[in-house]
Amino acid sequence: MRKGRSLVAIEVKSGRRRDSLPGLDLFASRHPTARRLLVGGGGIDLEDFLLAEPERWFPD
């Protein structure tokens, strides 16, 4: 997601917790100032993510 100059990367996983997130890590290497979110897989609960206003996920 992008809002102005802020960028948020979102990776969604189903099932168990993930120790390795190569896609999110690659994105972060190319966009080091972006906020990274893991939805599911031990990260943010999917329902919480979907019910929240998108602005909640951007840094202050």
PDB file of N, CA and C in Angstrom:
ATOM      1  N   MET A   1       0.849  -1.157   0.000  1.00  0.00           N
ATOM      2  CA  MET A   1       0.000   0.000   0.000  1.00  0.00           C
ATOM      3  C   MET A   1       0.897   1.222   0.000  1.00  0.00           C
ATOM      4  N   ARG A   2       0.411   2.264  -0.649  1.00  0.00           N
ATOM      5  CA  ARG A   2       1.159   3.515  -0.674  1.00  0.00           C
ATOM      6  C   ARG A   2       0.228   4.655  -0.267  1.00  0.00           C
ATOM      7  N   LYS A   3       0.759   5.545   0.546  1.00  0.00           N
ATOM      8  CA  LYS A   3       0.054   6.764   0.942  1.00  0.00           C
ATOM      9  C   LYS A   3       1.097   7.866   0.977  1.00  0.00           C
ATOM     10  N   GLY A   4       1.038   8.742  -0.005  1.00  0.00           N
ATOM     11  CA  GLY A   4       2.071   9.761  -0.105  1.00  0.00           C
ATOM     12  C   GLY A   4       3.415   9.105  -0.329  1.00  0.00           C
ATOM     13  N   ARG A   5       4.356   9.394   0.551  1.00  0.00           N
ATOM     14  CA  ARG A   5       5.688   8.782   0.432  1.00  0.00           C
ATOM     15  C   ARG A   5       5.832   7.527   1.286  1.00  0.00           C
ATOM     16  N   SER A   6       4.803   7.185   2.050  1.00  0.00           N
ATOM     17  CA  SER A   6       4.854   5.999   2.911  1.00  0.00           C
ATOM     18  C   SER A   6       4.461   4.756   2.122  1.00  0.00           C
ATOM     19  N   LEU A   7       5.167   3.675   2.383  1.00  0.00           N
ATOM     20  CA  LEU A   7       4.942   2.416   1.694  1.00  0.00           C
ATOM     21  C   LEU A   7       4.821   1.317   2.731  1.00  0.00           C
ATOM     22  N   VAL A   8       3.811   0.456   2.570  1.00  0.00           N
ATOM     23  CA  VAL A   8       3.599  -0.672   3.472  1.00  0.00           C
ATOM     24  C   VAL A   8       3.545  -1.942   2.636  1.00  0.00           C
ATOM     25  N   ALA A   9       4.404  -2.896   2.967  1.00  0.00           N
ATOM     26  CA  ALA A   9       4.419  -4.198   2.306  1.00  0.00           C
ATOM     27  C   ALA A   9       3.593  -5.170   3.140  1.00  0.00           C
ATOM     28  N   ILE A  10       2.762  -5.958   2.477  1.00  0.00           N
ATOM     29  CA  ILE A  10       1.885  -6.903   3.170  1.00  0.00           C
ATOM     30  C   ILE A  10       2.114  -8.288   2.598  1.00  0.00           C
ATOM     31  N   GLU A  11       2.390  -9.249   3.480  1.00  0.00           N
ATOM     32  CA  GLU A  11       2.465 -10.647   3.063  1.00  0.00           C
ATOM     33  C   GLU A  11       1.421 -11.407   3.862  1.00  0.00           C
ATOM     34  N   VAL A  12       0.638 -12.218   3.169  1.00  0.00           N
ATOM     35  CA  VAL A  12      -0.440 -12.982   3.791  1.00  0.00           C
ATOM     36  C   VAL A  12      -0.063 -14.458   3.745  1.00  0.00           C
ATOM     37  N   LYS A  13      -0.129 -15.107   4.893  1.00  0.00           N
ATOM     38  CA  LYS A  13       0.184 -16.536   4.995  1.00  0.00           C
ATOM     39  C   LYS A  13      -0.968 -17.252   5.678  1.00  0.00           C
ATOM     40  N   SER A  14      -1.220 -18.458   5.231  1.00  0.00           N
ATOM     41  CA  SER A  14      -2.205 -19.292   5.909  1.00  0.00           C
ATOM     42  C   SER A  14      -1.454 -20.366   6.689  1.00  0.00           C
ATOM     43  N   GLY A  15      -2.090 -20.889   7.683  1.00  0.00           N
ATOM     44  CA  GLY A  15      -1.464 -21.967   8.437  1.00  0.00           C
ATOM     45  C   GLY A  15      -0.554 -21.489   9.533  1.00  0.00           C
ATOM     46  N   ARG A  16       0.490 -22.282   9.769  1.00  0.00           N
ATOM     47  CA  ARG A  16       1.371 -22.069  10.926  1.00  0.00           C
ATOM     48  C   ARG A  16       2.333 -20.894  10.749  1.00  0.00           C
ATOM     49  N   ARG A  17       2.976 -20.560  11.861  1.00  0.00           N
ATOM     50  CA  ARG A  17       3.943 -19.460  11.896  1.00  0.00           C
ATOM     51  C   ARG A  17       5.084 -19.727  10.923  1.00  0.00           C
ATOM     52  N   ARG A  18       5.531 -18.680  10.255  1.00  0.00           N
ATOM     53  CA  ARG A  18       6.635 -18.779   9.298  1.00  0.00           C
ATOM     54  C   ARG A  18       7.880 -18.127   9.879  1.00  0.00           C
ATOM     55  N   ASP A  19       8.995 -18.827   9.776  1.00  0.00           N
ATOM     56  CA  ASP A  19      10.265 -18.250  10.217  1.00  0.00           C
ATOM     57  C   ASP A  19      10.964 -17.517   9.081  1.00  0.00           C
ATOM     58  N   SER A  20      10.680 -17.926   7.854  1.00  0.00           N
ATOM     59  CA  SER A  20      11.328 -17.342   6.696  1.00  0.00           C
ATOM     60  C   SER A  20      10.281 -16.708   5.790  1.00  0.00           C
ATOM     61  N   LEU A  21      10.514 -15.467   5.401  1.00  0.00           N
ATOM     62  CA  LEU A  21       9.609 -14.747   4.505  1.00  0.00           C
ATOM     63  C   LEU A  21      10.436 -14.153   3.367  1.00  0.00           C
ATOM     64  N   PRO A  22      10.887 -14.995   2.437  1.00  0.00           N
ATOM     65  CA  PRO A  22      11.806 -14.505   1.403  1.00  0.00           C
ATOM     66  C   PRO A  22      11.227 -13.392   0.532  1.00  0.00           C
ATOM     67  N   GLY A  23       9.948 -13.442   0.222  1.00  0.00           N
ATOM     68  CA  GLY A  23       9.342 -12.390  -0.595  1.00  0.00           C
ATOM     69  C   GLY A  23       9.344 -11.046   0.123  1.00  0.00           C
ATOM     70  N   LEU A  24       8.974 -11.068   1.379  1.00  0.00           N
ATOM     71  CA  LEU A  24       8.951  -9.842   2.178  1.00  0.00           C
ATOM     72  C   LEU A  24      10.370  -9.325   2.415  1.00  0.00           C
ATOM     73  N   ASP A  25      11.306 -10.242   2.607  1.00  0.00           N
ATOM     74  CA  ASP A  25      12.705  -9.842   2.795  1.00  0.00           C
ATOM     75  C   ASP A  25      13.270  -9.195   1.528  1.00  0.00           C
ATOM     76  N   LEU A  26      12.961  -9.741   0.377  1.00  0.00           N
ATOM     77  CA  LEU A  26      13.428  -9.163  -0.881  1.00  0.00           C
ATOM     78  C   LEU A  26      12.834  -7.768  -1.079  1.00  0.00           C
ATOM     79  N   PHE A  27      11.539  -7.634  -0.814  1.00  0.00           N
ATOM     80  CA  PHE A  27      10.889  -6.335  -0.928  1.00  0.00           C
ATOM     81  C   PHE A  27      11.573  -5.323  -0.005  1.00  0.00           C
ATOM     82  N   ALA A  28      11.846  -5.750   1.222  1.00  0.00           N
ATOM     83  CA  ALA A  28      12.480  -4.855   2.195  1.00  0.00           C
ATOM     84  C   ALA A  28      13.884  -4.447   1.754  1.00  0.00           C
ATOM     85  N   SER A  29      14.594  -5.341   1.081  1.00  0.00           N
ATOM     86  CA  SER A  29      15.935  -4.982   0.619  1.00  0.00           C
ATOM     87  C   SER A  29      15.876  -3.914  -0.471  1.00  0.00           C
ATOM     88  N   ARG A  30      14.791  -3.895  -1.216  1.00  0.00           N
ATOM     89  CA  ARG A  30      14.630  -2.899  -2.280  1.00  0.00           C
ATOM     90  C   ARG A  30      13.961  -1.625  -1.784  1.00  0.00           C
ATOM     91  N   HIS A  31      13.229  -1.728  -0.684  1.00  0.00           N
ATOM     92  CA  HIS A  31      12.504  -0.579  -0.108  1.00  0.00           C
ATOM     93  C   HIS A  31      12.739  -0.581   1.409  1.00  0.00           C
ATOM     94  N   PRO A  32      13.935  -0.230   1.847  1.00  0.00           N
ATOM     95  CA  PRO A  32      14.295  -0.371   3.265  1.00  0.00           C
ATOM     96  C   PRO A  32      13.478   0.485   4.233  1.00  0.00           C
ATOM     97  N   THR A  33      12.845   1.532   3.766  1.00  0.00           N
ATOM     98  CA  THR A  33      12.064   2.366   4.688  1.00  0.00           C
ATOM     99  C   THR A  33      10.609   1.926   4.782  1.00  0.00           C
ATOM    100  N   ALA A  34      10.212   0.947   3.990  1.00  0.00           N
ATOM    101  CA  ALA A  34       8.818   0.489   4.003  1.00  0.00           C
ATOM    102  C   ALA A  34       8.520  -0.278   5.286  1.00  0.00           C
ATOM    103  N   ARG A  35       7.306  -0.119   5.757  1.00  0.00           N
ATOM    104  CA  ARG A  35       6.837  -0.916   6.881  1.00  0.00           C
ATOM    105  C   ARG A  35       6.448  -2.280   6.330  1.00  0.00           C
ATOM    106  N   ARG A  36       6.719  -3.333   7.077  1.00  0.00           N
ATOM    107  CA  ARG A  36       6.389  -4.689   6.643  1.00  0.00           C
ATOM    108  C   ARG A  36       5.358  -5.293   7.578  1.00  0.00           C
ATOM    109  N   LEU A  37       4.316  -5.897   6.997  1.00  0.00           N
ATOM    110  CA  LEU A  37       3.271  -6.543   7.782  1.00  0.00           C
ATOM    111  C   LEU A  37       3.140  -8.000   7.352  1.00  0.00           C
ATOM    112  N   LEU A  38       3.016  -8.886   8.335  1.00  0.00           N
ATOM    113  CA  LEU A  38       2.690 -10.280   8.082  1.00  0.00           C
ATOM    114  C   LEU A  38       1.269 -10.493   8.585  1.00  0.00           C
ATOM    115  N   VAL A  39       0.403 -10.930   7.702  1.00  0.00           N
ATOM    116  CA  VAL A  39      -0.989 -11.201   8.059  1.00  0.00           C
ATOM    117  C   VAL A  39      -1.153 -12.711   8.065  1.00  0.00           C
ATOM    118  N   GLY A  40      -1.653 -13.261   9.178  1.00  0.00           N
ATOM    119  CA  GLY A  40      -1.744 -14.707   9.332  1.00  0.00           C
ATOM    120  C   GLY A  40      -0.376 -15.280   9.630  1.00  0.00           C
ATOM    121  N   GLY A  41      -0.286 -16.610   9.743  1.00  0.00           N
ATOM    122  CA  GLY A  41       0.999 -17.262   9.950  1.00  0.00           C
ATOM    123  C   GLY A  41       1.763 -16.784  11.167  1.00  0.00           C
ATOM    124  N   GLY A  42       1.060 -16.370  12.208  1.00  0.00           N
ATOM    125  CA  GLY A  42       1.706 -15.898  13.430  1.00  0.00           C
ATOM    126  C   GLY A  42       1.847 -14.391  13.504  1.00  0.00           C
ATOM    127  N   GLY A  43       1.430 -13.692  12.453  1.00  0.00           N
ATOM    128  CA  GLY A  43       1.479 -12.231  12.452  1.00  0.00           C
ATOM    129  C   GLY A  43       0.139 -11.652  12.881  1.00  0.00           C
ATOM    130  N   ILE A  44      -0.291 -10.630  12.222  1.00  0.00           N
ATOM    131  CA  ILE A  44      -1.571  -9.976  12.504  1.00  0.00           C
ATOM    132  C   ILE A  44      -2.706 -10.918  12.138  1.00  0.00           C
ATOM    133  N   ASP A  45      -3.677 -11.032  12.995  1.00  0.00           N
ATOM    134  CA  ASP A  45      -4.842 -11.865  12.723  1.00  0.00           C
ATOM    135  C   ASP A  45      -5.571 -11.337  11.486  1.00  0.00           C
ATOM    136  N   LEU A  46      -5.960 -12.229  10.584  1.00  0.00           N
ATOM    137  CA  LEU A  46      -6.603 -11.829   9.335  1.00  0.00           C
ATOM    138  C   LEU A  46      -7.842 -10.973   9.582  1.00  0.00           C
ATOM    139  N   GLU A  47      -8.671 -11.365  10.510  1.00  0.00           N
ATOM    140  CA  GLU A  47      -9.888 -10.598  10.790  1.00  0.00           C
ATOM    141  C   GLU A  47      -9.549  -9.196  11.287  1.00  0.00           C
ATOM    142  N   ASP A  48      -8.562  -9.074  12.165  1.00  0.00           N
ATOM    143  CA  ASP A  48      -8.134  -7.764  12.655  1.00  0.00           C
ATOM    144  C   ASP A  48      -7.634  -6.892  11.506  1.00  0.00           C
ATOM    145  N   PHE A  49      -6.860  -7.493  10.607  1.00  0.00           N
ATOM    146  CA  PHE A  49      -6.337  -6.743   9.471  1.00  0.00           C
ATOM    147  C   PHE A  49      -7.469  -6.235   8.579  1.00  0.00           C
ATOM    148  N   LEU A  50      -8.419  -7.106   8.270  1.00  0.00           N
ATOM    149  CA  LEU A  50      -9.498  -6.735   7.359  1.00  0.00           C
ATOM    150  C   LEU A  50     -10.480  -5.728   7.964  1.00  0.00           C
ATOM    151  N   LEU A  51     -10.649  -5.763   9.265  1.00  0.00           N
ATOM    152  CA  LEU A  51     -11.590  -4.847   9.912  1.00  0.00           C
ATOM    153  C   LEU A  51     -10.993  -3.469  10.199  1.00  0.00           C
ATOM    154  N   ALA A  52      -9.687  -3.363  10.155  1.00  0.00           N
ATOM    155  CA  ALA A  52      -9.023  -2.089  10.471  1.00  0.00           C
ATOM    156  C   ALA A  52      -9.079  -1.136   9.282  1.00  0.00           C
ATOM    157  N   GLU A  53      -9.103   0.143   9.582  1.00  0.00           N
ATOM    158  CA  GLU A  53      -8.976   1.158   8.542  1.00  0.00           C
ATOM    159  C   GLU A  53      -7.570   1.078   7.968  1.00  0.00           C
ATOM    160  N   PRO A  54      -7.400   1.187   6.667  1.00  0.00           N
ATOM    161  CA  PRO A  54      -6.062   1.082   6.068  1.00  0.00           C
ATOM    162  C   PRO A  54      -5.041   2.046   6.670  1.00  0.00           C
ATOM    163  N   GLU A  55      -5.468   3.224   7.096  1.00  0.00           N
ATOM    164  CA  GLU A  55      -4.549   4.202   7.664  1.00  0.00           C
ATOM    165  C   GLU A  55      -3.854   3.686   8.921  1.00  0.00           C
ATOM    166  N   ARG A  56      -4.478   2.730   9.588  1.00  0.00           N
ATOM    167  CA  ARG A  56      -3.910   2.166  10.818  1.00  0.00           C
ATOM    168  C   ARG A  56      -2.541   1.551  10.557  1.00  0.00           C
ATOM    169  N   TRP A  57      -2.299   1.034   9.371  1.00  0.00           N
ATOM    170  CA  TRP A  57      -1.079   0.295   9.081  1.00  0.00           C
ATOM    171  C   TRP A  57       0.075   1.190   8.630  1.00  0.00           C
ATOM    172  N   PHE A  58      -0.205   2.460   8.405  1.00  0.00           N
ATOM    173  CA  PHE A  58       0.862   3.376   7.999  1.00  0.00           C
ATOM    174  C   PHE A  58       1.547   3.944   9.234  1.00  0.00           C
ATOM    175  N   PRO A  59       2.868   4.168   9.133  1.00  0.00           N
ATOM    176  CA  PRO A  59       3.575   4.772  10.277  1.00  0.00           C
ATOM    177  C   PRO A  59       3.063   6.175  10.536  1.00  0.00           C
ATOM    178  N   ASP A  60       3.188   6.620  11.765  1.00  0.00           N
ATOM    179  CA  ASP A  60       2.725   7.974  12.136  1.00  0.00           C
ATOM    180  C   ASP A  60       3.502   9.049  11.451  1.00  0.00           C
TER     181      ASP A  60
END
